[in-house]
Structures are given as structure tokens and as C-alpha cells.
Amino acid sequence: MARIHYVLPALFALGALALSSVFIVDEREKVLVLQFGQVKQEITEPGLGFKLPLIQDVVRYEDRILGLQSQSLEVTLRDNRRLIVDAFARWRITDAVSFREAVGAGGIDSAQSRLDPIISAAMRQVLGSVNSNAVLSEDRTGLMNAIRDIARKQSESLGVEVIDVRLTRTDLPEQNLAATYARMRAEREREAADEIARGNEAASRVKASADRAVVVTTSDARRQAEVIRGEADASRNAIYAEAFGKDPEFFAFTRSLTAYERALREGNSSIVLKPDSDFFSYLNTPNGKPAQ
């Protein structure tokens, strides 16, 4: 019984030591085995790992792609315009040993604090060599790739790889916004005035053309009307002449009646004539014939 009393605690201690020497490596991780702060083993494959209990420690790092939002940065471009720029970078740990030696126990947070100035310096270098039109255009792929390449080269010593850099904001400083908006408004107003002037000019041309067409059409219509009126007068005179030739007395009678109708119409001027005037010749004779 005494032996069992001592053996059981020993077995429990050995089991605890055995369990503490075994660890699991996830497929999303990179693992380092450290002994007194020195790297003894790097494990990149998922599965079981072993270490010396109480002597060695396990440090785990993300093997997935990580993101970094850079600090806002004021950049002076080649055309002396200033922009507030920030970017979003994606990166991953490629060499866990170099990463540990570079950042120490700070891990991911320490790495991001060292990557941020690297990306900012790359942004200053690339954006400072181009004009504002290139930065503010829709296609900035070339600029972002150049920033990525510079940041990737400068961060190799950290044991990481910069996969991608994207410009997320490119704004003017607050003190320049009002002046820029005023200039843009003036340019738009000038363009609007030019468009209005061109529209008025086009409208004047259309109106002049329409007026000319009206004059031409009206003149042609009047000419045709005069021709028709002349032809009608000629026909009428021919009919009158023919009627006068057939019955001169009846023709004279109808002409006299027409003259009476026009002269004696209400509202006409007053006419003073002798009763025996030739004008009333058809009214003075009982049979309606003019006096001889």
C-alpha cells in the first residue's frame, strides 16, 4: 500500500509532463518552438508537435492574410497640390523565424507598427512623382502596384510579404476644399454660359431660317394669289364684255343697280345730287329705262 501511495502521484506527474510536451498545430498557423528565447524549431504543417516540458515554449503566428489600415497621410504631388491619402494593405507572414527575430515578443501588433511607416514612405515616394490627375483618376492600378512593390521590398527583412495595397481615400485638405469647390463652380458656370450662348446662337439661326421661309412662302402665295386674281378678273371682264355685247341695256341696268347699292348703303358719306341727275335715270322712268 505504501508503494501505491507513492507511485500514483509519480504517474500523474509523468502524465502531466507528457501532456505538456504535446501541442497541436492548426492549418491556419505557423508555430515556433523557443528555448530560453531562442528559436529551436519551426513548424508549418498542421498536426501534432512535441517540445521539452518546462524548458521550451510554443509561439503561434497567423498564417492567413492580415489587413492593415494605414494612417492618413498628407502628400505633396508633383504639381504642388496636396492631398490627404490613406491606404489599406494586405500582408502575411512568410518566414516565422525572421519575423520573430525582427519583431520579438511584440508579434502582430509590433509588425503592423513597423509596416505602417514603410507603406507611408512608399506612398510619399510614388505619389510625389505624379500629378494630381493621375492620383484622382479612376484607374490608379499602376500607382498602387508601385507602392506595393516598394513596400514589399522594404519589408522583406521582417519576414513578411505585402500582398496588395489599395488607396482608400484621396481628398483635399480642409483649407483647400472651399477654394477648389469655388473654382469648380466657376468652371461649371462658364461651361453653362458657353452652352447657353451656343444654344441662343443656334436658336437665332433657326428663327432666321424660319422667318426667311415664312417670307418666301408668303411672297409665293401672294404672287400666286395675284395671278389667280388677275386670271379671275380677266375671266370676269370677258364675261361682262360678252354679256354687254349680247344685251347692252341689261348690262347698263345691272351696273346701275350695283352703283345704287354701294352709294346708298348705311354709313356712307352723304351725296348731294339733282333729282334729274343721270345717276337716278333708272329711278325716274316708269318702265325703268334710262331717259334718252
C-alpha atoms as a PDB file:
ATOM      1  CA  MET A   1       0.000   0.000   0.000  1.00  0.00           C
ATOM      2  CA  ALA A   2       2.880   2.355   0.715  1.00  0.00           C
ATOM      3  CA  ARG A   3       4.330   1.810  -2.750  1.00  0.00           C
ATOM      4  CA  ILE A   4       0.982   2.554  -4.388  1.00  0.00           C
ATOM      5  CA  HIS A   5       0.756   5.718  -2.333  1.00  0.00           C
ATOM      6  CA  TYR A   6       3.984   6.998  -3.939  1.00  0.00           C
ATOM      7  CA  VAL A   7       3.536   5.532  -7.424  1.00  0.00           C
ATOM      8  CA  LEU A   8       0.209   7.164  -8.242  1.00  0.00           C
ATOM      9  CA  PRO A   9       1.445  10.768  -7.778  1.00  0.00           C
ATOM     10  CA  ALA A  10       4.520   9.933  -9.829  1.00  0.00           C
ATOM     11  CA  LEU A  11       2.339   8.580 -12.616  1.00  0.00           C
ATOM     12  CA  PHE A  12       0.168  11.693 -12.540  1.00  0.00           C
ATOM     13  CA  ALA A  13       3.253  13.906 -12.712  1.00  0.00           C
ATOM     14  CA  LEU A  14       4.666  11.944 -15.634  1.00  0.00           C
ATOM     15  CA  GLY A  15       1.308  12.140 -17.423  1.00  0.00           C
ATOM     16  CA  ALA A  16       1.144  15.891 -16.893  1.00  0.00           C
ATOM     17  CA  LEU A  17       4.685  16.285 -18.229  1.00  0.00           C
ATOM     18  CA  ALA A  18       3.831  14.125 -21.255  1.00  0.00           C
ATOM     19  CA  LEU A  19       0.710  16.168 -21.979  1.00  0.00           C
ATOM     20  CA  SER A  20       2.607  19.444 -21.611  1.00  0.00           C
ATOM     21  CA  SER A  21       5.133  18.245 -24.197  1.00  0.00           C
ATOM     22  CA  VAL A  22       2.471  17.710 -26.865  1.00  0.00           C
ATOM     23  CA  PHE A  23       0.731  20.524 -28.772  1.00  0.00           C
ATOM     24  CA  ILE A  24      -1.489  20.808 -31.864  1.00  0.00           C
ATOM     25  CA  VAL A  25      -0.572  22.898 -34.897  1.00  0.00           C
ATOM     26  CA  ASP A  26      -3.605  24.337 -36.721  1.00  0.00           C
ATOM     27  CA  GLU A  27      -3.515  24.651 -40.511  1.00  0.00           C
ATOM     28  CA  ARG A  28      -4.063  28.403 -40.154  1.00  0.00           C
ATOM     29  CA  GLU A  29      -0.954  28.872 -38.025  1.00  0.00           C
ATOM     30  CA  LYS A  30       2.816  28.946 -38.098  1.00  0.00           C
ATOM     31  CA  VAL A  31       4.418  27.678 -34.885  1.00  0.00           C
ATOM     32  CA  LEU A  32       7.847  28.285 -33.367  1.00  0.00           C
ATOM     33  CA  VAL A  33       9.340  26.269 -30.525  1.00  0.00           C
ATOM     34  CA  LEU A  34      11.516  28.502 -28.338  1.00  0.00           C
ATOM     35  CA  GLN A  35      14.062  27.520 -25.732  1.00  0.00           C
ATOM     36  CA  PHE A  36      15.158  30.327 -23.446  1.00  0.00           C
ATOM     37  CA  GLY A  37      14.028  32.805 -26.118  1.00  0.00           C
ATOM     38  CA  GLN A  38      15.949  31.119 -28.957  1.00  0.00           C
ATOM     39  CA  VAL A  39      14.181  29.501 -31.906  1.00  0.00           C
ATOM     40  CA  LYS A  40      14.703  25.743 -31.861  1.00  0.00           C
ATOM     41  CA  GLN A  41      12.075  24.578 -34.314  1.00  0.00           C
ATOM     42  CA  GLU A  42       9.680  25.991 -36.940  1.00  0.00           C
ATOM     43  CA  ILE A  43       6.526  24.009 -37.711  1.00  0.00           C
ATOM     44  CA  THR A  44       4.429  24.975 -40.742  1.00  0.00           C
ATOM     45  CA  GLU A  45       2.484  21.756 -41.307  1.00  0.00           C
ATOM     46  CA  PRO A  46      -0.699  21.023 -39.325  1.00  0.00           C
ATOM     47  CA  GLY A  47      -0.682  18.145 -36.854  1.00  0.00           C
ATOM     48  CA  LEU A  48       0.919  17.200 -33.534  1.00  0.00           C
ATOM     49  CA  GLY A  49       4.116  18.793 -32.251  1.00  0.00           C
ATOM     50  CA  PHE A  50       6.406  17.984 -29.384  1.00  0.00           C
ATOM     51  CA  LYS A  51       8.536  20.125 -27.072  1.00  0.00           C
ATOM     52  CA  LEU A  52      10.504  19.741 -23.909  1.00  0.00           C
ATOM     53  CA  PRO A  53       8.231  20.498 -20.962  1.00  0.00           C
ATOM     54  CA  LEU A  54       9.168  23.374 -18.664  1.00  0.00           C
ATOM     55  CA  ILE A  55      12.096  24.296 -20.918  1.00  0.00           C
ATOM     56  CA  GLN A  56      10.613  25.046 -24.308  1.00  0.00           C
ATOM     57  CA  ASP A  57       7.685  27.342 -25.193  1.00  0.00           C
ATOM     58  CA  VAL A  58       5.367  27.444 -28.215  1.00  0.00           C
ATOM     59  CA  VAL A  59       4.669  30.709 -30.076  1.00  0.00           C
ATOM     60  CA  ARG A  60       1.861  30.789 -32.628  1.00  0.00           C
ATOM     61  CA  TYR A  61       1.524  33.204 -35.577  1.00  0.00           C
ATOM     62  CA  GLU A  62      -1.278  33.660 -38.106  1.00  0.00           C
ATOM     63  CA  ASP A  63      -0.631  32.012 -41.464  1.00  0.00           C
ATOM     64  CA  ARG A  64      -3.634  33.767 -43.029  1.00  0.00           C
ATOM     65  CA  ILE A  65      -3.664  37.082 -44.880  1.00  0.00           C
ATOM     66  CA  LEU A  66      -3.839  40.040 -42.495  1.00  0.00           C
ATOM     67  CA  GLY A  67      -5.057  43.583 -43.081  1.00  0.00           C
ATOM     68  CA  LEU A  68      -3.520  46.923 -42.155  1.00  0.00           C
ATOM     69  CA  GLN A  69      -5.276  50.300 -42.398  1.00  0.00           C
ATOM     70  CA  SER A  70      -2.602  52.962 -42.756  1.00  0.00           C
ATOM     71  CA  GLN A  71      -2.698  56.334 -41.034  1.00  0.00           C
ATOM     72  CA  SER A  72      -3.972  59.327 -43.017  1.00  0.00           C
ATOM     73  CA  LEU A  73      -1.084  60.988 -44.776  1.00  0.00           C
ATOM     74  CA  GLU A  74      -0.755  64.431 -46.367  1.00  0.00           C
ATOM     75  CA  VAL A  75       1.189  64.111 -49.621  1.00  0.00           C
ATOM     76  CA  THR A  76       2.524  66.891 -51.862  1.00  0.00           C
ATOM     77  CA  LEU A  77       2.214  65.892 -55.516  1.00  0.00           C
ATOM     78  CA  ARG A  78       4.474  66.869 -58.388  1.00  0.00           C
ATOM     79  CA  ASP A  79       2.152  69.753 -59.394  1.00  0.00           C
ATOM     80  CA  ASN A  80       2.425  71.126 -55.807  1.00  0.00           C
ATOM     81  CA  ARG A  81      -1.108  70.129 -54.911  1.00  0.00           C
ATOM     82  CA  ARG A  82      -1.643  68.485 -51.545  1.00  0.00           C
ATOM     83  CA  LEU A  83      -3.868  65.513 -50.869  1.00  0.00           C
ATOM     84  CA  ILE A  84      -4.913  63.598 -47.774  1.00  0.00           C
ATOM     85  CA  VAL A  85      -4.323  59.938 -48.627  1.00  0.00           C
ATOM     86  CA  ASP A  86      -4.733  56.690 -46.749  1.00  0.00           C
ATOM     87  CA  ALA A  87      -4.431  53.077 -47.862  1.00  0.00           C
ATOM     88  CA  PHE A  88      -5.355  49.547 -46.904  1.00  0.00           C
ATOM     89  CA  ALA A  89      -2.656  46.861 -47.160  1.00  0.00           C
ATOM     90  CA  ARG A  90      -2.905  43.098 -47.066  1.00  0.00           C
ATOM     91  CA  TRP A  91       0.096  41.116 -45.854  1.00  0.00           C
ATOM     92  CA  ARG A  92       1.105  37.742 -44.445  1.00  0.00           C
ATOM     93  CA  ILE A  93       3.970  36.140 -42.524  1.00  0.00           C
ATOM     94  CA  THR A  94       6.233  34.174 -44.878  1.00  0.00           C
ATOM     95  CA  ASP A  95       9.209  33.400 -42.606  1.00  0.00           C
ATOM     96  CA  ALA A  96       8.266  32.876 -38.965  1.00  0.00           C
ATOM     97  CA  VAL A  97      11.888  32.744 -37.789  1.00  0.00           C
ATOM     98  CA  SER A  98      12.801  36.064 -39.406  1.00  0.00           C
ATOM     99  CA  PHE A  99       9.531  37.524 -38.186  1.00  0.00           C
ATOM    100  CA  ARG A 100      10.344  36.526 -34.587  1.00  0.00           C
ATOM    101  CA  GLU A 101      13.846  37.925 -34.813  1.00  0.00           C
ATOM    102  CA  ALA A 102      12.547  41.211 -36.289  1.00  0.00           C
ATOM    103  CA  VAL A 103       9.579  41.968 -34.023  1.00  0.00           C
ATOM    104  CA  GLY A 104      10.469  39.981 -30.918  1.00  0.00           C
ATOM    105  CA  ALA A 105       7.699  39.258 -28.485  1.00  0.00           C
ATOM    106  CA  GLY A 106       5.514  42.055 -29.870  1.00  0.00           C
ATOM    107  CA  GLY A 107       4.103  39.761 -32.548  1.00  0.00           C
ATOM    108  CA  ILE A 108       1.445  41.001 -34.995  1.00  0.00           C
ATOM    109  CA  ASP A 109       0.954  44.383 -33.308  1.00  0.00           C
ATOM    110  CA  SER A 110       4.653  45.166 -33.434  1.00  0.00           C
ATOM    111  CA  ALA A 111       4.828  44.094 -37.085  1.00  0.00           C
ATOM    112  CA  GLN A 112       1.941  46.369 -38.063  1.00  0.00           C
ATOM    113  CA  SER A 113       3.500  49.320 -36.244  1.00  0.00           C
ATOM    114  CA  ARG A 114       6.649  48.766 -38.337  1.00  0.00           C
ATOM    115  CA  LEU A 115       4.766  48.156 -41.603  1.00  0.00           C
ATOM    116  CA  ASP A 116       2.752  51.385 -41.359  1.00  0.00           C
ATOM    117  CA  PRO A 117       5.744  53.759 -41.807  1.00  0.00           C
ATOM    118  CA  ILE A 118       7.074  51.556 -44.623  1.00  0.00           C
ATOM    119  CA  ILE A 119       3.804  51.859 -46.543  1.00  0.00           C
ATOM    120  CA  SER A 120       3.567  55.597 -45.796  1.00  0.00           C
ATOM    121  CA  ALA A 121       7.095  56.157 -47.142  1.00  0.00           C
ATOM    122  CA  ALA A 122       6.248  54.172 -50.282  1.00  0.00           C
ATOM    123  CA  MET A 123       3.107  56.283 -50.784  1.00  0.00           C
ATOM    124  CA  ARG A 124       5.103  59.508 -50.465  1.00  0.00           C
ATOM    125  CA  GLN A 125       7.710  58.259 -52.922  1.00  0.00           C
ATOM    126  CA  VAL A 126       5.234  57.134 -55.599  1.00  0.00           C
ATOM    127  CA  LEU A 127       2.558  59.842 -55.283  1.00  0.00           C
ATOM    128  CA  GLY A 128       5.132  62.628 -55.022  1.00  0.00           C
ATOM    129  CA  SER A 129       6.329  61.798 -58.547  1.00  0.00           C
ATOM    130  CA  VAL A 130       2.958  62.145 -60.331  1.00  0.00           C
ATOM    131  CA  ASN A 131       0.410  64.891 -60.941  1.00  0.00           C
ATOM    132  CA  SER A 132      -2.921  65.139 -59.172  1.00  0.00           C
ATOM    133  CA  ASN A 133      -4.821  63.998 -62.281  1.00  0.00           C
ATOM    134  CA  ALA A 134      -3.129  60.586 -62.072  1.00  0.00           C
ATOM    135  CA  VAL A 135      -3.996  60.217 -58.390  1.00  0.00           C
ATOM    136  CA  LEU A 136      -7.613  61.376 -58.766  1.00  0.00           C
ATOM    137  CA  SER A 137      -8.325  59.326 -61.896  1.00  0.00           C
ATOM    138  CA  GLU A 138     -10.444  56.186 -61.808  1.00  0.00           C
ATOM    139  CA  ASP A 139      -7.594  53.916 -62.908  1.00  0.00           C
ATOM    140  CA  ARG A 140      -4.886  54.029 -60.217  1.00  0.00           C
ATOM    141  CA  THR A 141      -3.786  50.421 -60.528  1.00  0.00           C
ATOM    142  CA  GLY A 142      -0.293  51.332 -61.675  1.00  0.00           C
ATOM    143  CA  LEU A 143       0.268  53.651 -58.710  1.00  0.00           C
ATOM    144  CA  MET A 144      -0.995  51.095 -56.188  1.00  0.00           C
ATOM    145  CA  ASN A 145       1.172  48.349 -57.699  1.00  0.00           C
ATOM    146  CA  ALA A 146       4.232  50.612 -57.483  1.00  0.00           C
ATOM    147  CA  ILE A 147       3.505  51.340 -53.800  1.00  0.00           C
ATOM    148  CA  ARG A 148       3.064  47.613 -53.166  1.00  0.00           C
ATOM    149  CA  ASP A 149       6.366  46.707 -54.840  1.00  0.00           C
ATOM    150  CA  ILE A 150       8.342  49.276 -52.827  1.00  0.00           C
ATOM    151  CA  ALA A 151       6.685  48.259 -49.535  1.00  0.00           C
ATOM    152  CA  ARG A 152       7.231  44.565 -50.310  1.00  0.00           C
ATOM    153  CA  LYS A 153      10.940  45.064 -50.927  1.00  0.00           C
ATOM    154  CA  GLN A 154      11.452  47.141 -47.784  1.00  0.00           C
ATOM    155  CA  SER A 155       9.518  44.721 -45.548  1.00  0.00           C
ATOM    156  CA  GLU A 156      11.376  41.543 -46.576  1.00  0.00           C
ATOM    157  CA  SER A 157      13.639  41.836 -43.530  1.00  0.00           C
ATOM    158  CA  LEU A 158      10.569  41.487 -41.289  1.00  0.00           C
ATOM    159  CA  GLY A 159       9.794  38.045 -42.677  1.00  0.00           C
ATOM    160  CA  VAL A 160       6.512  39.243 -44.202  1.00  0.00           C
ATOM    161  CA  GLU A 161       5.144  39.784 -47.707  1.00  0.00           C
ATOM    162  CA  VAL A 162       2.998  42.755 -48.695  1.00  0.00           C
ATOM    163  CA  ILE A 163       0.400  41.225 -50.996  1.00  0.00           C
ATOM    164  CA  ASP A 164      -1.594  44.258 -52.028  1.00  0.00           C
ATOM    165  CA  VAL A 165      -2.000  47.990 -51.336  1.00  0.00           C
ATOM    166  CA  ARG A 166      -5.187  49.903 -52.155  1.00  0.00           C
ATOM    167  CA  LEU A 167      -5.723  53.645 -51.926  1.00  0.00           C
ATOM    168  CA  THR A 168      -8.955  54.088 -49.995  1.00  0.00           C
ATOM    169  CA  ARG A 169      -9.138  57.894 -49.778  1.00  0.00           C
ATOM    170  CA  THR A 170      -7.680  60.760 -51.781  1.00  0.00           C
ATOM    171  CA  ASP A 171      -9.158  64.040 -50.526  1.00  0.00           C
ATOM    172  CA  LEU A 172      -8.077  67.636 -50.500  1.00  0.00           C
ATOM    173  CA  PRO A 173      -7.100  69.241 -47.176  1.00  0.00           C
ATOM    174  CA  GLU A 174      -9.900  71.134 -45.458  1.00  0.00           C
ATOM    175  CA  GLN A 175      -8.337  74.534 -46.131  1.00  0.00           C
ATOM    176  CA  ASN A 176      -8.249  73.823 -49.873  1.00  0.00           C
ATOM    177  CA  LEU A 177     -11.743  72.431 -50.259  1.00  0.00           C
ATOM    178  CA  ALA A 178     -13.542  75.793 -50.346  1.00  0.00           C
ATOM    179  CA  ALA A 179     -11.189  77.241 -52.968  1.00  0.00           C
ATOM    180  CA  THR A 180     -11.384  74.077 -55.042  1.00  0.00           C
ATOM    181  CA  TYR A 181     -15.180  73.997 -54.900  1.00  0.00           C
ATOM    182  CA  ALA A 182     -15.324  77.676 -55.877  1.00  0.00           C
ATOM    183  CA  ARG A 183     -13.024  77.071 -58.837  1.00  0.00           C
ATOM    184  CA  MET A 184     -15.053  74.041 -59.919  1.00  0.00           C
ATOM    185  CA  ARG A 185     -18.264  76.066 -59.598  1.00  0.00           C
ATOM    186  CA  ALA A 186     -16.794  78.893 -61.707  1.00  0.00           C
ATOM    187  CA  GLU A 187     -15.691  76.425 -64.371  1.00  0.00           C
ATOM    188  CA  ARG A 188     -19.133  74.823 -64.472  1.00  0.00           C
ATOM    189  CA  GLU A 189     -20.831  78.214 -64.672  1.00  0.00           C
ATOM    190  CA  ARG A 190     -18.522  79.220 -67.532  1.00  0.00           C
ATOM    191  CA  GLU A 191     -19.307  75.986 -69.361  1.00  0.00           C
ATOM    192  CA  ALA A 192     -23.024  76.565 -68.760  1.00  0.00           C
ATOM    193  CA  ALA A 193     -22.748  80.127 -70.127  1.00  0.00           C
ATOM    194  CA  ASP A 194     -20.951  78.812 -73.223  1.00  0.00           C
ATOM    195  CA  GLU A 195     -23.648  76.207 -73.756  1.00  0.00           C
ATOM    196  CA  ILE A 196     -26.392  78.829 -73.330  1.00  0.00           C
ATOM    197  CA  ALA A 197     -24.635  81.138 -75.806  1.00  0.00           C
ATOM    198  CA  ARG A 198     -24.296  78.335 -78.333  1.00  0.00           C
ATOM    199  CA  GLY A 199     -27.938  77.426 -77.800  1.00  0.00           C
ATOM    200  CA  ASN A 200     -29.062  81.037 -78.328  1.00  0.00           C
ATOM    201  CA  GLU A 201     -26.954  81.244 -81.469  1.00  0.00           C
ATOM    202  CA  ALA A 202     -28.492  78.053 -82.810  1.00  0.00           C
ATOM    203  CA  ALA A 203     -31.965  79.306 -81.888  1.00  0.00           C
ATOM    204  CA  SER A 204     -31.300  82.592 -83.726  1.00  0.00           C
ATOM    205  CA  ARG A 205     -30.199  80.690 -86.815  1.00  0.00           C
ATOM    206  CA  VAL A 206     -33.311  78.523 -86.707  1.00  0.00           C
ATOM    207  CA  LYS A 207     -35.559  81.536 -86.163  1.00  0.00           C
ATOM    208  CA  ALA A 208     -33.929  83.457 -89.025  1.00  0.00           C
ATOM    209  CA  SER A 209     -34.298  80.463 -91.287  1.00  0.00           C
ATOM    210  CA  ALA A 210     -37.946  80.099 -90.272  1.00  0.00           C
ATOM    211  CA  ASP A 211     -38.602  83.830 -90.832  1.00  0.00           C
ATOM    212  CA  ARG A 212     -36.958  83.629 -94.260  1.00  0.00           C
ATOM    213  CA  ALA A 213     -39.056  80.588 -95.093  1.00  0.00           C
ATOM    214  CA  VAL A 214     -42.209  82.476 -93.982  1.00  0.00           C
ATOM    215  CA  VAL A 215     -41.324  85.462 -96.175  1.00  0.00           C
ATOM    216  CA  VAL A 216     -40.585  83.262 -99.163  1.00  0.00           C
ATOM    217  CA  THR A 217     -43.739  81.208 -98.671  1.00  0.00           C
ATOM    218  CA  THR A 218     -45.902  84.308 -98.135  1.00  0.00           C
ATOM    219  CA  SER A 219     -44.442  86.045-101.171  1.00  0.00           C
ATOM    220  CA  ASP A 220     -45.006  82.979-103.305  1.00  0.00           C
ATOM    221  CA  ALA A 221     -48.575  82.690-102.015  1.00  0.00           C
ATOM    222  CA  ARG A 222     -49.240  86.370-102.741  1.00  0.00           C
ATOM    223  CA  ARG A 223     -47.790  86.015-106.220  1.00  0.00           C
ATOM    224  CA  GLN A 224     -49.979  83.023-106.898  1.00  0.00           C
ATOM    225  CA  ALA A 225     -52.973  84.888-105.439  1.00  0.00           C
ATOM    226  CA  GLU A 226     -52.313  87.874-107.685  1.00  0.00           C
ATOM    227  CA  VAL A 227     -52.015  85.594-110.676  1.00  0.00           C
ATOM    228  CA  ILE A 228     -55.269  83.843-109.780  1.00  0.00           C
ATOM    229  CA  ARG A 229     -56.947  87.189-109.071  1.00  0.00           C
ATOM    230  CA  GLY A 230     -55.757  88.562-112.392  1.00  0.00           C
ATOM    231  CA  GLU A 231     -56.984  85.495-114.218  1.00  0.00           C
ATOM    232  CA  ALA A 232     -60.330  85.775-112.404  1.00  0.00           C
ATOM    233  CA  ASP A 233     -60.622  89.487-113.269  1.00  0.00           C
ATOM    234  CA  ALA A 234     -59.821  88.661-116.861  1.00  0.00           C
ATOM    235  CA  SER A 235     -62.483  85.960-116.906  1.00  0.00           C
ATOM    236  CA  ARG A 236     -64.957  88.308-115.221  1.00  0.00           C
ATOM    237  CA  ASN A 237     -64.242  91.097-117.714  1.00  0.00           C
ATOM    238  CA  ALA A 238     -64.568  88.641-120.542  1.00  0.00           C
ATOM    239  CA  ILE A 239     -67.964  87.533-119.185  1.00  0.00           C
ATOM    240  CA  TYR A 240     -69.027  91.182-118.734  1.00  0.00           C
ATOM    241  CA  ALA A 241     -67.863  92.017-122.218  1.00  0.00           C
ATOM    242  CA  GLU A 242     -69.737  89.066-123.658  1.00  0.00           C
ATOM    243  CA  ALA A 243     -72.863  89.969-121.672  1.00  0.00           C
ATOM    244  CA  PHE A 244     -72.600  93.596-122.717  1.00  0.00           C
ATOM    245  CA  GLY A 245     -72.325  92.528-126.295  1.00  0.00           C
ATOM    246  CA  LYS A 246     -75.451  90.363-126.050  1.00  0.00           C
ATOM    247  CA  ASP A 247     -77.677  92.852-124.166  1.00  0.00           C
ATOM    248  CA  PRO A 248     -76.162  96.319-123.553  1.00  0.00           C
ATOM    249  CA  GLU A 249     -79.369  97.593-121.979  1.00  0.00           C
ATOM    250  CA  PHE A 250     -79.486  94.830-119.332  1.00  0.00           C
ATOM    251  CA  PHE A 251     -75.786  95.300-118.646  1.00  0.00           C
ATOM    252  CA  ALA A 252     -76.298  99.012-118.029  1.00  0.00           C
ATOM    253  CA  PHE A 253     -79.249  98.205-115.733  1.00  0.00           C
ATOM    254  CA  THR A 254     -77.291  95.798-113.548  1.00  0.00           C
ATOM    255  CA  ARG A 255     -74.359  98.207-113.313  1.00  0.00           C
ATOM    256  CA  SER A 256     -76.720 100.951-112.194  1.00  0.00           C
ATOM    257  CA  LEU A 257     -78.260  98.744-109.508  1.00  0.00           C
ATOM    258  CA  THR A 258     -74.797  97.882-108.220  1.00  0.00           C
ATOM    259  CA  ALA A 259     -73.947 101.579-108.093  1.00  0.00           C
ATOM    260  CA  TYR A 260     -77.203 102.311-106.169  1.00  0.00           C
ATOM    261  CA  GLU A 261     -76.423  99.562-103.647  1.00  0.00           C
ATOM    262  CA  ARG A 262     -72.946 100.849-102.968  1.00  0.00           C
ATOM    263  CA  ALA A 263     -73.898 104.530-102.855  1.00  0.00           C
ATOM    264  CA  LEU A 264     -76.993 104.231-100.710  1.00  0.00           C
ATOM    265  CA  ARG A 265     -75.514 101.850 -98.109  1.00  0.00           C
ATOM    266  CA  GLU A 266     -75.944 102.906 -94.475  1.00  0.00           C
ATOM    267  CA  GLY A 267     -72.919 104.673 -93.050  1.00  0.00           C
ATOM    268  CA  ASN A 268     -71.638 106.013 -96.376  1.00  0.00           C
ATOM    269  CA  SER A 269     -70.900 109.664 -96.906  1.00  0.00           C
ATOM    270  CA  SER A 270     -73.778 111.930 -97.931  1.00  0.00           C
ATOM    271  CA  ILE A 271     -74.245 112.646-101.660  1.00  0.00           C
ATOM    272  CA  VAL A 272     -75.990 115.769-102.941  1.00  0.00           C
ATOM    273  CA  LEU A 273     -77.410 115.308-106.478  1.00  0.00           C
ATOM    274  CA  LYS A 274     -80.100 116.868-108.585  1.00  0.00           C
ATOM    275  CA  PRO A 275     -83.266 114.778-108.895  1.00  0.00           C
ATOM    276  CA  ASP A 276     -82.918 114.803-112.631  1.00  0.00           C
ATOM    277  CA  SER A 277     -79.324 113.654-112.490  1.00  0.00           C
ATOM    278  CA  ASP A 278     -78.277 110.814-114.752  1.00  0.00           C
ATOM    279  CA  PHE A 279     -77.430 108.832-111.623  1.00  0.00           C
ATOM    280  CA  PHE A 280     -81.178 108.354-110.953  1.00  0.00           C
ATOM    281  CA  SER A 281     -82.144 107.733-114.573  1.00  0.00           C
ATOM    282  CA  TYR A 282     -83.483 104.240-113.787  1.00  0.00           C
ATOM    283  CA  LEU A 283     -85.480 105.565-110.857  1.00  0.00           C
ATOM    284  CA  ASN A 284     -87.153 108.460-112.709  1.00  0.00           C
ATOM    285  CA  THR A 285     -88.706 106.491-115.607  1.00  0.00           C
ATOM    286  CA  PRO A 286     -91.788 104.375-115.023  1.00  0.00           C
ATOM    287  CA  ASN A 287     -90.538 101.393-117.009  1.00  0.00           C
ATOM    288  CA  GLY A 288     -87.072 101.505-115.519  1.00  0.00           C
ATOM    289  CA  LYS A 289     -85.429 102.552-118.736  1.00  0.00           C
ATOM    290  CA  PRO A 290     -82.940 105.372-118.769  1.00  0.00           C
ATOM    291  CA  ALA A 291     -84.109 108.658-120.107  1.00  0.00           C
ATOM    292  CA  GLN A 292     -82.995 109.387-123.637  1.00  0.00           C
END
